[in-house]
Amino acid sequence: MKAKGTVHKYGDNVDTDVIIPARYLNSSDPEDLKKHCMEDIDTEFVGRVKAGDIMVANKNFGCGSSREHAPIAIKASGIACVIAETFARIFYRNSINIGLPIIECPEAAAEIAAGDEVEIDFDSGKIYDLTKGTEYQGQAFPPFMQEIIKHEGLINYINSKE
């Protein structure tokens, strides 16, 4: 599995309240959530993001409350993968559960810039910054996690086994 897209870059401690503000939690519909993704930190994100784009952030991405709405909003917006130095543990688990690929890679998080074109090979964990011609080694997904992501989430993966 691979992803390739333009980077949207954020800093440290991007919490779930700015990923999807609490005032929009009255819905869990991905189509509703994507309209407000990142709006409290980046008012232009929704108008700029394209299907397949990549989100890059520094440390502790997805901190704050454990709401599943945050990775749902990111995935629904079209983001194909989130790369960060580190993720909040509950956000990490929620992302895998809903089929949003995420990769921890401190070097990539530090060096990749907004607007760069990036390609990710999920099998190897390799991250290629095509704009700069650089390569990074991220954490590859174990086969079972790749299956969950391929099936668009844990529930679909489990249902495919029946």
Protein backbone atom coordinates (compact mmCIF):
# COMPACT_ATOMS: atom_id res chain seq x y z
CA MET A 1 0.00 0.00 0.00
CA LYS A 2 1.17 3.50 -0.82
CA ALA A 3 0.06 7.08 -0.42
CA LYS A 4 1.22 10.19 -2.25
CA GLY A 5 0.16 13.78 -1.76
CA THR A 6 0.84 17.34 -0.73
CA VAL A 7 1.80 18.06 2.88
CA HIS A 8 -0.23 20.07 5.39
CA LYS A 9 2.13 20.82 8.30
CA TYR A 10 1.38 21.44 11.99
CA GLY A 11 3.39 21.79 15.19
CA ASP A 12 3.46 20.20 18.64
CA ASN A 13 0.50 19.17 20.79
CA VAL A 14 -2.25 19.43 18.16
CA ASP A 15 -5.16 18.29 20.29
CA THR A 16 -8.45 16.72 19.36
CA ASP A 17 -10.28 19.98 20.18
CA VAL A 18 -8.58 21.75 17.26
CA ILE A 19 -8.75 18.73 14.96
CA ILE A 20 -12.54 18.74 15.36
CA PRO A 21 -13.92 21.40 17.73
CA ALA A 22 -16.32 20.17 20.42
CA ARG A 23 -19.15 22.33 19.06
CA TYR A 24 -19.42 19.91 16.10
CA LEU A 25 -19.56 16.68 18.11
CA ASN A 26 -23.33 16.46 17.87
CA SER A 27 -22.70 14.43 14.70
CA SER A 28 -20.50 11.45 14.01
CA ASP A 29 -21.20 11.57 10.27
CA PRO A 30 -17.85 11.81 8.44
CA GLU A 31 -19.38 14.13 5.83
CA ASP A 32 -20.40 16.60 8.55
CA LEU A 33 -17.11 16.32 10.45
CA LYS A 34 -14.86 16.90 7.44
CA LYS A 35 -16.40 20.34 6.90
CA HIS A 36 -14.88 21.51 10.20
CA CYS A 37 -11.62 19.54 10.32
CA MET A 38 -8.74 21.68 11.65
CA GLU A 39 -10.81 24.89 11.46
CA ASP A 40 -9.69 26.23 14.85
CA ILE A 41 -5.99 25.94 13.91
CA ASP A 42 -6.11 26.32 10.11
CA THR A 43 -9.19 28.06 8.70
CA GLU A 44 -8.10 27.35 5.12
CA PHE A 45 -7.46 23.60 5.56
CA VAL A 46 -10.87 22.39 4.34
CA GLY A 47 -10.67 24.46 1.17
CA ARG A 48 -7.07 23.46 0.46
CA VAL A 49 -6.97 19.72 1.25
CA LYS A 50 -7.27 17.24 -1.61
CA ALA A 51 -7.89 13.49 -1.50
CA GLY A 52 -4.58 11.73 -0.96
CA ASP A 53 -2.83 14.61 0.83
CA ILE A 54 -0.54 13.97 3.79
CA MET A 55 -0.65 15.61 7.23
CA VAL A 56 2.65 16.09 9.07
CA ALA A 57 3.02 17.26 12.67
CA ASN A 58 5.56 17.31 15.42
CA LYS A 59 5.18 15.65 18.83
CA ASN A 60 2.08 14.52 20.72
CA PHE A 61 -0.34 14.76 17.80
CA GLY A 62 -3.94 13.96 18.79
CA CYS A 63 -3.55 14.70 22.50
CA GLY A 64 -6.56 15.72 24.57
CA SER A 65 -9.85 13.89 24.74
CA SER A 66 -10.20 10.39 23.36
CA ARG A 67 -12.89 11.26 20.84
CA GLU A 68 -12.93 9.05 17.76
CA HIS A 69 -14.34 12.03 15.85
CA ALA A 70 -10.82 13.47 15.38
CA PRO A 71 -9.33 10.72 13.19
CA ILE A 72 -12.71 10.33 11.44
CA ALA A 73 -12.65 14.03 10.48
CA ILE A 74 -9.05 13.79 9.22
CA LYS A 75 -9.75 10.68 7.17
CA ALA A 76 -13.00 12.10 5.77
CA SER A 77 -11.18 15.29 4.73
CA GLY A 78 -9.12 13.23 2.29
CA ILE A 79 -5.89 12.91 4.25
CA ALA A 80 -4.25 9.59 3.26
CA CYS A 81 -1.77 9.44 6.16
CA VAL A 82 -0.59 11.40 9.18
CA ILE A 83 3.14 11.49 9.93
CA ALA A 84 4.26 12.80 13.32
CA GLU A 85 7.18 12.68 15.69
CA THR A 86 4.85 11.06 18.24
CA PHE A 87 1.11 10.48 18.66
CA ALA A 88 -1.06 10.47 21.74
CA ARG A 89 -1.70 6.77 22.39
CA ILE A 90 -5.50 6.90 22.28
CA PHE A 91 -5.41 8.86 19.01
CA TYR A 92 -3.02 6.26 17.58
CA ARG A 93 -5.39 3.42 18.49
CA ASN A 94 -8.49 5.28 17.30
CA SER A 95 -6.79 6.02 13.97
CA ILE A 96 -5.98 2.38 13.30
CA ASN A 97 -9.47 1.35 14.43
CA ILE A 98 -11.08 3.59 11.80
CA GLY A 99 -8.51 2.82 9.09
CA LEU A 100 -6.49 6.07 9.08
CA PRO A 101 -2.80 5.29 8.43
CA ILE A 102 -0.40 7.05 10.80
CA ILE A 103 3.39 6.79 11.00
CA GLU A 104 5.78 7.93 13.69
CA CYS A 105 9.03 9.30 12.26
CA PRO A 106 10.79 12.13 14.12
CA GLU A 107 13.19 12.93 11.26
CA ALA A 108 10.43 13.20 8.65
CA ALA A 109 8.26 15.26 11.00
CA ALA A 110 11.11 17.71 11.58
CA GLU A 111 12.30 18.09 7.98
CA ILE A 112 9.23 17.81 5.74
CA ALA A 113 7.66 21.20 5.02
CA ALA A 114 4.16 22.36 4.15
CA GLY A 115 3.57 22.03 0.42
CA ASP A 116 6.16 19.29 -0.11
CA GLU A 117 5.09 16.31 -2.23
CA VAL A 118 5.49 13.14 -0.17
CA GLU A 119 5.10 9.45 -0.95
CA ILE A 120 4.76 6.74 1.70
CA ASP A 121 5.26 3.01 1.30
CA PHE A 122 3.29 1.41 4.13
CA ASP A 123 4.87 -2.02 3.58
CA SER A 124 8.39 -0.78 4.26
CA GLY A 125 7.64 2.34 6.31
CA LYS A 126 9.68 4.43 3.86
CA ILE A 127 8.74 8.07 3.49
CA TYR A 128 10.00 9.94 0.44
CA ASP A 129 9.99 13.72 0.26
CA LEU A 130 9.84 14.03 -3.52
CA THR A 131 10.24 17.82 -3.34
CA LYS A 132 13.55 17.66 -1.45
CA GLY A 133 14.75 14.26 -2.70
CA THR A 134 15.08 12.92 0.85
CA GLU A 135 14.08 9.57 2.34
CA TYR A 136 13.12 8.62 5.89
CA GLN A 137 12.51 5.33 7.63
CA GLY A 138 9.24 5.35 9.53
CA GLN A 139 7.68 2.54 11.51
CA ALA A 140 6.25 -0.01 9.05
CA PHE A 141 2.79 -1.36 9.82
CA PRO A 142 2.65 -4.99 10.92
CA PRO A 143 0.63 -7.12 8.48
CA PHE A 144 -2.46 -7.25 10.72
CA MET A 145 -2.58 -3.43 10.92
CA GLN A 146 -2.20 -3.19 7.15
CA GLU A 147 -5.21 -5.48 6.84
CA ILE A 148 -7.26 -3.27 9.19
CA ILE A 149 -6.34 -0.17 7.17
CA LYS A 150 -6.98 -1.95 3.85
CA HIS A 151 -10.48 -2.82 5.10
CA GLU A 152 -11.09 0.83 6.15
CA GLY A 153 -11.16 -0.01 9.87
CA LEU A 154 -11.37 -2.67 12.54
CA ILE A 155 -15.11 -3.33 12.27
CA ASN A 156 -14.90 -3.92 8.49
CA TYR A 157 -11.83 -6.11 9.00
CA ILE A 158 -13.63 -8.24 11.60
CA ASN A 159 -16.74 -8.47 9.41
CA SER A 160 -14.61 -9.64 6.46
CA LYS A 161 -13.50 -12.64 8.52
CA GLU A 162 -17.03 -13.96 9.03
